[in-house]
């Protein structure tokens, strides 16, 4: 898996408007109404994440879930990361609707 080029990264960020680059990683902060919803989001995503065998760096504090994505083996952001970001967006939309 190779790092995305600047053009590929720009295209991906166009599809992921809430995401940005921070410290060389894709970064997003989700805000949920409370801890149960935030933790539920993480739990709902976990089976799909495990099936991909590509795990986020993420943290939960009350109603927030902070996510950073990078492919350590490639030394940067790859298609695995943008694909995982798209999955997380799909799951979050269901819970935030």
PDB file of N, CA and C in Angstrom:
ATOM      1  N   UNK A   1       0.857  -1.175   0.000  1.00  0.00           N
ATOM      2  CA  UNK A   1       0.000   0.000   0.000  1.00  0.00           C
ATOM      3  C   UNK A   1       0.899   1.233   0.000  1.00  0.00           C
ATOM      4  N   UNK A   2       0.624   2.142  -0.937  1.00  0.00           N
ATOM      5  CA  UNK A   2       1.433   3.356  -1.051  1.00  0.00           C
ATOM      6  C   UNK A   2       0.667   4.569  -0.532  1.00  0.00           C
ATOM      7  N   UNK A   3       1.420   5.550  -0.063  1.00  0.00           N
ATOM      8  CA  UNK A   3       0.819   6.803   0.374  1.00  0.00           C
ATOM      9  C   UNK A   3       0.083   7.459  -0.791  1.00  0.00           C
ATOM     10  N   UNK A   4      -0.962   8.187  -0.470  1.00  0.00           N
ATOM     11  CA  UNK A   4      -1.671   8.941  -1.494  1.00  0.00           C
ATOM     12  C   UNK A   4      -0.825  10.134  -1.934  1.00  0.00           C
ATOM     13  N   UNK A   5      -0.958  10.472  -3.204  1.00  0.00           N
ATOM     14  CA  UNK A   5      -0.307  11.679  -3.701  1.00  0.00           C
ATOM     15  C   UNK A   5      -1.085  12.886  -3.188  1.00  0.00           C
ATOM     16  N   UNK A   6      -0.518  14.069  -3.338  1.00  0.00           N
ATOM     17  CA  UNK A   6      -1.217  15.294  -2.917  1.00  0.00           C
ATOM     18  C   UNK A   6      -2.552  15.430  -3.653  1.00  0.00           C
ATOM     19  N   UNK A   7      -2.564  15.108  -4.945  1.00  0.00           N
ATOM     20  CA  UNK A   7      -3.803  15.203  -5.726  1.00  0.00           C
ATOM     21  C   UNK A   7      -4.836  14.191  -5.235  1.00  0.00           C
ATOM     22  N   UNK A   8      -4.408  12.974  -4.960  1.00  0.00           N
ATOM     23  CA  UNK A   8      -5.332  11.948  -4.466  1.00  0.00           C
ATOM     24  C   UNK A   8      -5.873  12.330  -3.091  1.00  0.00           C
ATOM     25  N   UNK A   9      -5.015  12.879  -2.265  1.00  0.00           N
ATOM     26  CA  UNK A   9      -5.442  13.299  -0.938  1.00  0.00           C
ATOM     27  C   UNK A   9      -6.441  14.447  -1.026  1.00  0.00           C
ATOM     28  N   UNK A  10      -6.195  15.398  -1.911  1.00  0.00           N
ATOM     29  CA  UNK A  10      -7.121  16.520  -2.102  1.00  0.00           C
ATOM     30  C   UNK A  10      -8.480  16.014  -2.574  1.00  0.00           C
ATOM     31  N   UNK A  11      -8.477  15.054  -3.488  1.00  0.00           N
ATOM     32  CA  UNK A  11      -9.740  14.480  -3.975  1.00  0.00           C
ATOM     33  C   UNK A  11     -10.490  13.797  -2.836  1.00  0.00           C
ATOM     34  N   UNK A  12      -9.772  13.017  -2.030  1.00  0.00           N
ATOM     35  CA  UNK A  12     -10.400  12.311  -0.914  1.00  0.00           C
ATOM     36  C   UNK A  12     -10.984  13.298   0.094  1.00  0.00           C
ATOM     37  N   UNK A  13     -10.254  14.345   0.406  1.00  0.00           N
ATOM     38  CA  UNK A  13     -10.756  15.340   1.351  1.00  0.00           C
ATOM     39  C   UNK A  13     -11.969  16.082   0.795  1.00  0.00           C
ATOM     40  N   UNK A  14     -12.070  16.166  -0.520  1.00  0.00           N
ATOM     41  CA  UNK A  14     -13.262  16.742  -1.144  1.00  0.00           C
ATOM     42  C   UNK A  14     -14.497  15.898  -0.881  1.00  0.00           C
ATOM     43  N   UNK A  15     -14.310  14.586  -0.778  1.00  0.00           N
ATOM     44  CA  UNK A  15     -15.411  13.665  -0.474  1.00  0.00           C
ATOM     45  C   UNK A  15     -15.673  13.575   1.030  1.00  0.00           C
ATOM     46  N   UNK A  16     -14.712  14.049   1.825  1.00  0.00           N
ATOM     47  CA  UNK A  16     -14.786  13.945   3.283  1.00  0.00           C
ATOM     48  C   UNK A  16     -14.643  15.341   3.901  1.00  0.00           C
ATOM     49  N   UNK A  17     -15.648  16.191   3.732  1.00  0.00           N
ATOM     50  CA  UNK A  17     -15.492  17.600   4.106  1.00  0.00           C
ATOM     51  C   UNK A  17     -15.235  17.855   5.585  1.00  0.00           C
ATOM     52  N   UNK A  18     -15.611  16.960   6.453  1.00  0.00           N
ATOM     53  CA  UNK A  18     -15.390  17.153   7.892  1.00  0.00           C
ATOM     54  C   UNK A  18     -13.997  16.693   8.335  1.00  0.00           C
ATOM     55  N   UNK A  19     -13.266  16.070   7.434  1.00  0.00           N
ATOM     56  CA  UNK A  19     -11.936  15.561   7.743  1.00  0.00           C
ATOM     57  C   UNK A  19     -10.888  16.562   7.290  1.00  0.00           C
ATOM     58  N   UNK A  20      -9.738  16.540   7.967  1.00  0.00           N
ATOM     59  CA  UNK A  20      -8.613  17.379   7.569  1.00  0.00           C
ATOM     60  C   UNK A  20      -7.319  16.641   7.891  1.00  0.00           C
ATOM     61  N   UNK A  21      -6.248  17.140   7.350  1.00  0.00           N
ATOM     62  CA  UNK A  21      -4.937  16.597   7.687  1.00  0.00           C
ATOM     63  C   UNK A  21      -4.441  17.286   8.949  1.00  0.00           C
ATOM     64  N   UNK A  22      -3.946  16.503   9.890  1.00  0.00           N
ATOM     65  CA  UNK A  22      -3.374  17.041  11.120  1.00  0.00           C
ATOM     66  C   UNK A  22      -2.231  16.126  11.542  1.00  0.00           C
ATOM     67  N   UNK A  23      -1.059  16.686  11.641  1.00  0.00           N
ATOM     68  CA  UNK A  23       0.129  15.926  12.034  1.00  0.00           C
ATOM     69  C   UNK A  23       0.361  14.714  11.140  1.00  0.00           C
ATOM     70  N   UNK A  24       0.115  14.875   9.834  1.00  0.00           N
ATOM     71  CA  UNK A  24       0.360  13.806   8.870  1.00  0.00           C
ATOM     72  C   UNK A  24      -0.674  12.700   8.865  1.00  0.00           C
ATOM     73  N   UNK A  25      -1.806  12.934   9.524  1.00  0.00           N
ATOM     74  CA  UNK A  25      -2.865  11.921   9.604  1.00  0.00           C
ATOM     75  C   UNK A  25      -4.196  12.544   9.215  1.00  0.00           C
ATOM     76  N   UNK A  26      -5.116  11.698   8.729  1.00  0.00           N
ATOM     77  CA  UNK A  26      -6.494  12.146   8.546  1.00  0.00           C
ATOM     78  C   UNK A  26      -7.100  12.306   9.933  1.00  0.00           C
ATOM     79  N   UNK A  27      -7.779  13.408  10.162  1.00  0.00           N
ATOM     80  CA  UNK A  27      -8.284  13.718  11.500  1.00  0.00           C
ATOM     81  C   UNK A  27      -9.741  14.170  11.433  1.00  0.00           C
ATOM     82  N   UNK A  28     -10.510  13.725  12.414  1.00  0.00           N
ATOM     83  CA  UNK A  28     -11.927  14.129  12.515  1.00  0.00           C
ATOM     84  C   UNK A  28     -12.358  14.014  13.958  1.00  0.00           C
ATOM     85  N   UNK A  29     -13.205  14.934  14.379  1.00  0.00           N
ATOM     86  CA  UNK A  29     -13.814  14.855  15.705  1.00  0.00           C
ATOM     87  C   UNK A  29     -15.317  14.775  15.529  1.00  0.00           C
ATOM     88  N   UNK A  30     -15.894  13.713  16.065  1.00  0.00           N
ATOM     89  CA  UNK A  30     -17.346  13.536  16.046  1.00  0.00           C
ATOM     90  C   UNK A  30     -17.893  13.995  17.389  1.00  0.00           C
ATOM     91  N   UNK A  31     -19.071  14.625  17.360  1.00  0.00           N
ATOM     92  CA  UNK A  31     -19.751  15.043  18.591  1.00  0.00           C
ATOM     93  C   UNK A  31     -21.133  14.387  18.621  1.00  0.00           C
ATOM     94  N   UNK A  32     -21.346  13.630  19.667  1.00  0.00           N
ATOM     95  CA  UNK A  32     -22.606  12.932  19.873  1.00  0.00           C
ATOM     96  C   UNK A  32     -23.309  13.531  21.092  1.00  0.00           C
ATOM     97  N   UNK A  33     -24.601  13.250  21.250  1.00  0.00           N
ATOM     98  CA  UNK A  33     -25.340  13.869  22.355  1.00  0.00           C
ATOM     99  C   UNK A  33     -24.820  13.496  23.745  1.00  0.00           C
ATOM    100  N   UNK A  34     -24.242  12.304  23.868  1.00  0.00           N
ATOM    101  CA  UNK A  34     -23.796  11.850  25.184  1.00  0.00           C
ATOM    102  C   UNK A  34     -22.817  10.689  25.027  1.00  0.00           C
ATOM    103  N   UNK A  35     -22.344  10.197  26.149  1.00  0.00           N
ATOM    104  CA  UNK A  35     -21.371   9.119  26.158  1.00  0.00           C
ATOM    105  C   UNK A  35     -21.920   7.853  25.499  1.00  0.00           C
ATOM    106  N   UNK A  36     -23.172   7.517  25.792  1.00  0.00           N
ATOM    107  CA  UNK A  36     -23.756   6.289  25.240  1.00  0.00           C
ATOM    108  C   UNK A  36     -23.745   6.302  23.716  1.00  0.00           C
ATOM    109  N   UNK A  37     -24.080   7.437  23.115  1.00  0.00           N
ATOM    110  CA  UNK A  37     -24.077   7.528  21.658  1.00  0.00           C
ATOM    111  C   UNK A  37     -22.651   7.460  21.099  1.00  0.00           C
ATOM    112  N   UNK A  38     -21.727   8.138  21.758  1.00  0.00           N
ATOM    113  CA  UNK A  38     -20.333   8.111  21.294  1.00  0.00           C
ATOM    114  C   UNK A  38     -19.766   6.700  21.380  1.00  0.00           C
ATOM    115  N   UNK A  39     -19.982   6.046  22.503  1.00  0.00           N
ATOM    116  CA  UNK A  39     -19.479   4.694  22.682  1.00  0.00           C
ATOM    117  C   UNK A  39     -20.202   3.729  21.745  1.00  0.00           C
ATOM    118  N   UNK A  40     -21.496   3.966  21.532  1.00  0.00           N
ATOM    119  CA  UNK A  40     -22.260   3.138  20.598  1.00  0.00           C
ATOM    120  C   UNK A  40     -21.716   3.230  19.182  1.00  0.00           C
ATOM    121  N   UNK A  41     -21.315   4.427  18.781  1.00  0.00           N
ATOM    122  CA  UNK A  41     -20.693   4.617  17.469  1.00  0.00           C
ATOM    123  C   UNK A  41     -19.438   3.761  17.354  1.00  0.00           C
ATOM    124  N   UNK A  42     -18.594   3.823  18.362  1.00  0.00           N
ATOM    125  CA  UNK A  42     -17.360   3.046  18.326  1.00  0.00           C
ATOM    126  C   UNK A  42     -17.664   1.547  18.277  1.00  0.00           C
ATOM    127  N   UNK A  43     -18.610   1.111  19.083  1.00  0.00           N
ATOM    128  CA  UNK A  43     -18.965  -0.308  19.114  1.00  0.00           C
ATOM    129  C   UNK A  43     -19.590  -0.759  17.795  1.00  0.00           C
ATOM    130  N   UNK A  44     -20.419   0.094  17.196  1.00  0.00           N
ATOM    131  CA  UNK A  44     -21.057  -0.258  15.920  1.00  0.00           C
ATOM    132  C   UNK A  44     -20.030  -0.363  14.795  1.00  0.00           C
ATOM    133  N   UNK A  45     -18.992   0.459  14.856  1.00  0.00           N
ATOM    134  CA  UNK A  45     -17.953   0.455  13.820  1.00  0.00           C
ATOM    135  C   UNK A  45     -16.964  -0.693  13.974  1.00  0.00           C
ATOM    136  N   UNK A  46     -16.787  -1.161  15.193  1.00  0.00           N
ATOM    137  CA  UNK A  46     -15.724  -2.129  15.491  1.00  0.00           C
ATOM    138  C   UNK A  46     -15.744  -3.387  14.614  1.00  0.00           C
ATOM    139  N   UNK A  47     -16.877  -4.045  14.362  1.00  0.00           N
ATOM    140  CA  UNK A  47     -16.833  -5.250  13.531  1.00  0.00           C
ATOM    141  C   UNK A  47     -16.334  -4.982  12.103  1.00  0.00           C
ATOM    142  N   UNK A  48     -16.771  -3.892  11.511  1.00  0.00           N
ATOM    143  CA  UNK A  48     -16.319  -3.568  10.154  1.00  0.00           C
ATOM    144  C   UNK A  48     -14.845  -3.194  10.143  1.00  0.00           C
ATOM    145  N   UNK A  49     -14.403  -2.499  11.178  1.00  0.00           N
ATOM    146  CA  UNK A  49     -12.987  -2.134  11.287  1.00  0.00           C
ATOM    147  C   UNK A  49     -12.148  -3.400  11.423  1.00  0.00           C
ATOM    148  N   UNK A  50     -12.584  -4.298  12.273  1.00  0.00           N
ATOM    149  CA  UNK A  50     -11.838  -5.546  12.486  1.00  0.00           C
ATOM    150  C   UNK A  50     -11.788  -6.364  11.200  1.00  0.00           C
ATOM    151  N   UNK A  51     -12.886  -6.390  10.455  1.00  0.00           N
ATOM    152  CA  UNK A  51     -12.909  -7.136   9.190  1.00  0.00           C
ATOM    153  C   UNK A  51     -11.912  -6.574   8.185  1.00  0.00           C
ATOM    154  N   UNK A  52     -11.682  -5.270   8.225  1.00  0.00           N
ATOM    155  CA  UNK A  52     -10.708  -4.631   7.333  1.00  0.00           C
ATOM    156  C   UNK A  52      -9.281  -4.801   7.830  1.00  0.00           C
ATOM    157  N   UNK A  53      -9.145  -5.158   9.095  1.00  0.00           N
ATOM    158  CA  UNK A  53      -7.838  -5.287   9.733  1.00  0.00           C
ATOM    159  C   UNK A  53      -7.022  -3.995   9.571  1.00  0.00           C
ATOM    160  N   UNK A  54      -7.726  -2.886   9.699  1.00  0.00           N
ATOM    161  CA  UNK A  54      -7.080  -1.567   9.623  1.00  0.00           C
ATOM    162  C   UNK A  54      -7.728  -0.714  10.700  1.00  0.00           C
ATOM    163  N   UNK A  55      -6.997  -0.478  11.774  1.00  0.00           N
ATOM    164  CA  UNK A  55      -7.575   0.073  12.995  1.00  0.00           C
ATOM    165  C   UNK A  55      -7.230   1.545  13.181  1.00  0.00           C
ATOM    166  N   UNK A  56      -8.217   2.337  13.585  1.00  0.00           N
ATOM    167  CA  UNK A  56      -7.981   3.768  13.803  1.00  0.00           C
ATOM    168  C   UNK A  56      -7.284   4.015  15.133  1.00  0.00           C
ATOM    169  N   UNK A  57      -6.691   5.173  15.222  1.00  0.00           N
ATOM    170  CA  UNK A  57      -6.301   5.721  16.515  1.00  0.00           C
ATOM    171  C   UNK A  57      -7.500   6.571  16.906  1.00  0.00           C
ATOM    172  N   UNK A  58      -8.178   6.199  17.969  1.00  0.00           N
ATOM    173  CA  UNK A  58      -9.343   6.979  18.354  1.00  0.00           C
ATOM    174  C   UNK A  58      -9.491   7.040  19.858  1.00  0.00           C
ATOM    175  N   UNK A  59     -10.120   8.122  20.292  1.00  0.00           N
ATOM    176  CA  UNK A  59     -10.300   8.406  21.705  1.00  0.00           C
ATOM    177  C   UNK A  59     -11.732   8.850  21.926  1.00  0.00           C
ATOM    178  N   UNK A  60     -12.231   8.521  23.100  1.00  0.00           N
ATOM    179  CA  UNK A  60     -13.593   8.891  23.471  1.00  0.00           C
ATOM    180  C   UNK A  60     -13.556   9.675  24.777  1.00  0.00           C
ATOM    181  N   UNK A  61     -14.216  10.808  24.793  1.00  0.00           N
ATOM    182  CA  UNK A  61     -14.408  11.591  26.008  1.00  0.00           C
ATOM    183  C   UNK A  61     -15.841  12.097  26.001  1.00  0.00           C
ATOM    184  N   UNK A  62     -16.650  11.585  26.900  1.00  0.00           N
ATOM    185  CA  UNK A  62     -18.069  11.875  26.999  1.00  0.00           C
ATOM    186  C   UNK A  62     -18.741  11.717  25.634  1.00  0.00           C
ATOM    187  N   UNK A  63     -19.177  12.795  24.994  1.00  0.00           N
ATOM    188  CA  UNK A  63     -19.886  12.685  23.725  1.00  0.00           C
ATOM    189  C   UNK A  63     -19.013  12.891  22.508  1.00  0.00           C
ATOM    190  N   UNK A  64     -17.699  12.876  22.694  1.00  0.00           N
ATOM    191  CA  UNK A  64     -16.784  13.095  21.566  1.00  0.00           C
ATOM    192  C   UNK A  64     -16.032  11.811  21.229  1.00  0.00           C
ATOM    193  N   UNK A  65     -15.810  11.627  19.940  1.00  0.00           N
ATOM    194  CA  UNK A  65     -14.910  10.584  19.452  1.00  0.00           C
ATOM    195  C   UNK A  65     -13.939  11.278  18.505  1.00  0.00           C
ATOM    196  N   UNK A  66     -12.667  11.220  18.846  1.00  0.00           N
ATOM    197  CA  UNK A  66     -11.615  11.847  18.050  1.00  0.00           C
ATOM    198  C   UNK A  66     -10.891  10.734  17.306  1.00  0.00           C
ATOM    199  N   UNK A  67     -10.759  10.903  15.988  1.00  0.00           N
ATOM    200  CA  UNK A  67     -10.203   9.851  15.135  1.00  0.00           C
ATOM    201  C   UNK A  67      -9.006  10.384  14.350  1.00  0.00           C
ATOM    202  N   UNK A  68      -7.935   9.607  14.336  1.00  0.00           N
ATOM    203  CA  UNK A  68      -6.778   9.851  13.477  1.00  0.00           C
ATOM    204  C   UNK A  68      -6.523   8.586  12.681  1.00  0.00           C
ATOM    205  N   UNK A  69      -6.306   8.762  11.382  1.00  0.00           N
ATOM    206  CA  UNK A  69      -6.073   7.618  10.496  1.00  0.00           C
ATOM    207  C   UNK A  69      -4.761   7.786   9.750  1.00  0.00           C
ATOM    208  N   UNK A  70      -3.972   6.737   9.756  1.00  0.00           N
ATOM    209  CA  UNK A  70      -2.738   6.663   8.985  1.00  0.00           C
ATOM    210  C   UNK A  70      -2.396   5.195   8.811  1.00  0.00           C
ATOM    211  N   UNK A  71      -1.644   4.893   7.780  1.00  0.00           N
ATOM    212  CA  UNK A  71      -1.178   3.527   7.565  1.00  0.00           C
ATOM    213  C   UNK A  71       0.286   3.497   7.966  1.00  0.00           C
ATOM    214  N   UNK A  72       0.546   2.965   9.138  1.00  0.00           N
ATOM    215  CA  UNK A  72       1.901   2.994   9.694  1.00  0.00           C
ATOM    216  C   UNK A  72       2.915   2.314   8.778  1.00  0.00           C
ATOM    217  N   UNK A  73       2.544   1.201   8.180  1.00  0.00           N
ATOM    218  CA  UNK A  73       3.470   0.469   7.296  1.00  0.00           C
ATOM    219  C   UNK A  73       3.880   1.293   6.086  1.00  0.00           C
ATOM    220  N   UNK A  74       2.993   2.185   5.635  1.00  0.00           N
ATOM    221  CA  UNK A  74       3.282   3.015   4.460  1.00  0.00           C
ATOM    222  C   UNK A  74       3.873   4.364   4.852  1.00  0.00           C
ATOM    223  N   UNK A  75       3.840   4.683   6.127  1.00  0.00           N
ATOM    224  CA  UNK A  75       4.387   5.954   6.580  1.00  0.00           C
ATOM    225  C   UNK A  75       3.534   7.162   6.260  1.00  0.00           C
ATOM    226  N   UNK A  76       2.232   6.966   6.095  1.00  0.00           N
ATOM    227  CA  UNK A  76       1.349   8.083   5.789  1.00  0.00           C
ATOM    228  C   UNK A  76      -0.056   7.621   5.451  1.00  0.00           C
ATOM    229  N   UNK A  77      -0.820   8.506   4.865  1.00  0.00           N
ATOM    230  CA  UNK A  77      -2.221   8.247   4.528  1.00  0.00           C
ATOM    231  C   UNK A  77      -2.304   7.486   3.209  1.00  0.00           C
ATOM    232  N   UNK A  78      -3.095   6.417   3.233  1.00  0.00           N
ATOM    233  CA  UNK A  78      -3.296   5.586   2.038  1.00  0.00           C
ATOM    234  C   UNK A  78      -4.791   5.433   1.766  1.00  0.00           C
ATOM    235  N   UNK A  79      -5.102   4.687   0.713  1.00  0.00           N
ATOM    236  CA  UNK A  79      -6.502   4.402   0.381  1.00  0.00           C
ATOM    237  C   UNK A  79      -7.192   3.634   1.507  1.00  0.00           C
ATOM    238  N   UNK A  80      -6.444   2.878   2.300  1.00  0.00           N
ATOM    239  CA  UNK A  80      -7.043   2.198   3.450  1.00  0.00           C
ATOM    240  C   UNK A  80      -7.638   3.220   4.420  1.00  0.00           C
ATOM    241  N   UNK A  81      -6.939   4.319   4.599  1.00  0.00           N
ATOM    242  CA  UNK A  81      -7.398   5.347   5.533  1.00  0.00           C
ATOM    243  C   UNK A  81      -8.618   6.087   5.009  1.00  0.00           C
ATOM    244  N   UNK A  82      -8.603   6.460   3.746  1.00  0.00           N
ATOM    245  CA  UNK A  82      -9.760   7.175   3.196  1.00  0.00           C
ATOM    246  C   UNK A  82     -10.975   6.254   3.143  1.00  0.00           C
ATOM    247  N   UNK A  83     -10.750   4.977   2.853  1.00  0.00           N
ATOM    248  CA  UNK A  83     -11.854   4.019   2.869  1.00  0.00           C
ATOM    249  C   UNK A  83     -12.440   3.862   4.260  1.00  0.00           C
ATOM    250  N   UNK A  84     -11.582   3.819   5.269  1.00  0.00           N
ATOM    251  CA  UNK A  84     -12.065   3.719   6.640  1.00  0.00           C
ATOM    252  C   UNK A  84     -12.796   4.997   7.051  1.00  0.00           C
ATOM    253  N   UNK A  85     -12.295   6.147   6.640  1.00  0.00           N
ATOM    254  CA  UNK A  85     -12.975   7.408   6.926  1.00  0.00           C
ATOM    255  C   UNK A  85     -14.376   7.409   6.316  1.00  0.00           C
ATOM    256  N   UNK A  86     -14.511   6.913   5.105  1.00  0.00           N
ATOM    257  CA  UNK A  86     -15.829   6.848   4.459  1.00  0.00           C
ATOM    258  C   UNK A  86     -16.758   5.917   5.223  1.00  0.00           C
ATOM    259  N   UNK A  87     -16.246   4.793   5.700  1.00  0.00           N
ATOM    260  CA  UNK A  87     -17.048   3.880   6.509  1.00  0.00           C
ATOM    261  C   UNK A  87     -17.518   4.565   7.793  1.00  0.00           C
ATOM    262  N   UNK A  88     -16.610   5.248   8.480  1.00  0.00           N
ATOM    263  CA  UNK A  88     -16.973   5.939   9.719  1.00  0.00           C
ATOM    264  C   UNK A  88     -18.030   7.012   9.469  1.00  0.00           C
ATOM    265  N   UNK A  89     -17.907   7.722   8.350  1.00  0.00           N
ATOM    266  CA  UNK A  89     -18.905   8.741   8.009  1.00  0.00           C
ATOM    267  C   UNK A  89     -20.283   8.109   7.815  1.00  0.00           C
ATOM    268  N   UNK A  90     -20.334   6.987   7.142  1.00  0.00           N
ATOM    269  CA  UNK A  90     -21.607   6.298   6.902  1.00  0.00           C
ATOM    270  C   UNK A  90     -22.239   5.881   8.228  1.00  0.00           C
ATOM    271  N   UNK A  91     -21.422   5.319   9.108  1.00  0.00           N
ATOM    272  CA  UNK A  91     -21.934   4.878  10.406  1.00  0.00           C
ATOM    273  C   UNK A  91     -22.385   6.073  11.245  1.00  0.00           C
ATOM    274  N   UNK A  92     -21.611   7.146  11.252  1.00  0.00           N
ATOM    275  CA  UNK A  92     -21.962   8.321  12.056  1.00  0.00           C
ATOM    276  C   UNK A  92     -23.267   8.953  11.569  1.00  0.00           C
ATOM    277  N   UNK A  93     -23.458   9.015  10.260  1.00  0.00           N
ATOM    278  CA  UNK A  93     -24.699   9.602   9.728  1.00  0.00           C
ATOM    279  C   UNK A  93     -25.929   8.880  10.261  1.00  0.00           C
ATOM    280  N   UNK A  94     -25.822   7.564  10.399  1.00  0.00           N
ATOM    281  CA  UNK A  94     -26.950   6.791  10.916  1.00  0.00           C
ATOM    282  C   UNK A  94     -27.256   7.156  12.361  1.00  0.00           C
ATOM    283  N   UNK A  95     -26.217   7.408  13.132  1.00  0.00           N
ATOM    284  CA  UNK A  95     -26.409   7.702  14.555  1.00  0.00           C
ATOM    285  C   UNK A  95     -26.700   9.177  14.832  1.00  0.00           C
ATOM    286  N   UNK A  96     -26.282  10.053  13.934  1.00  0.00           N
ATOM    287  CA  UNK A  96     -26.493  11.485  14.144  1.00  0.00           C
ATOM    288  C   UNK A  96     -27.758  12.012  13.472  1.00  0.00           C
ATOM    289  N   UNK A  97     -28.410  11.150  12.697  1.00  0.00           N
ATOM    290  CA  UNK A  97     -29.605  11.578  11.952  1.00  0.00           C
ATOM    291  C   UNK A  97     -30.788  11.837  12.873  1.00  0.00           C
TER     292      UNK A  97
END
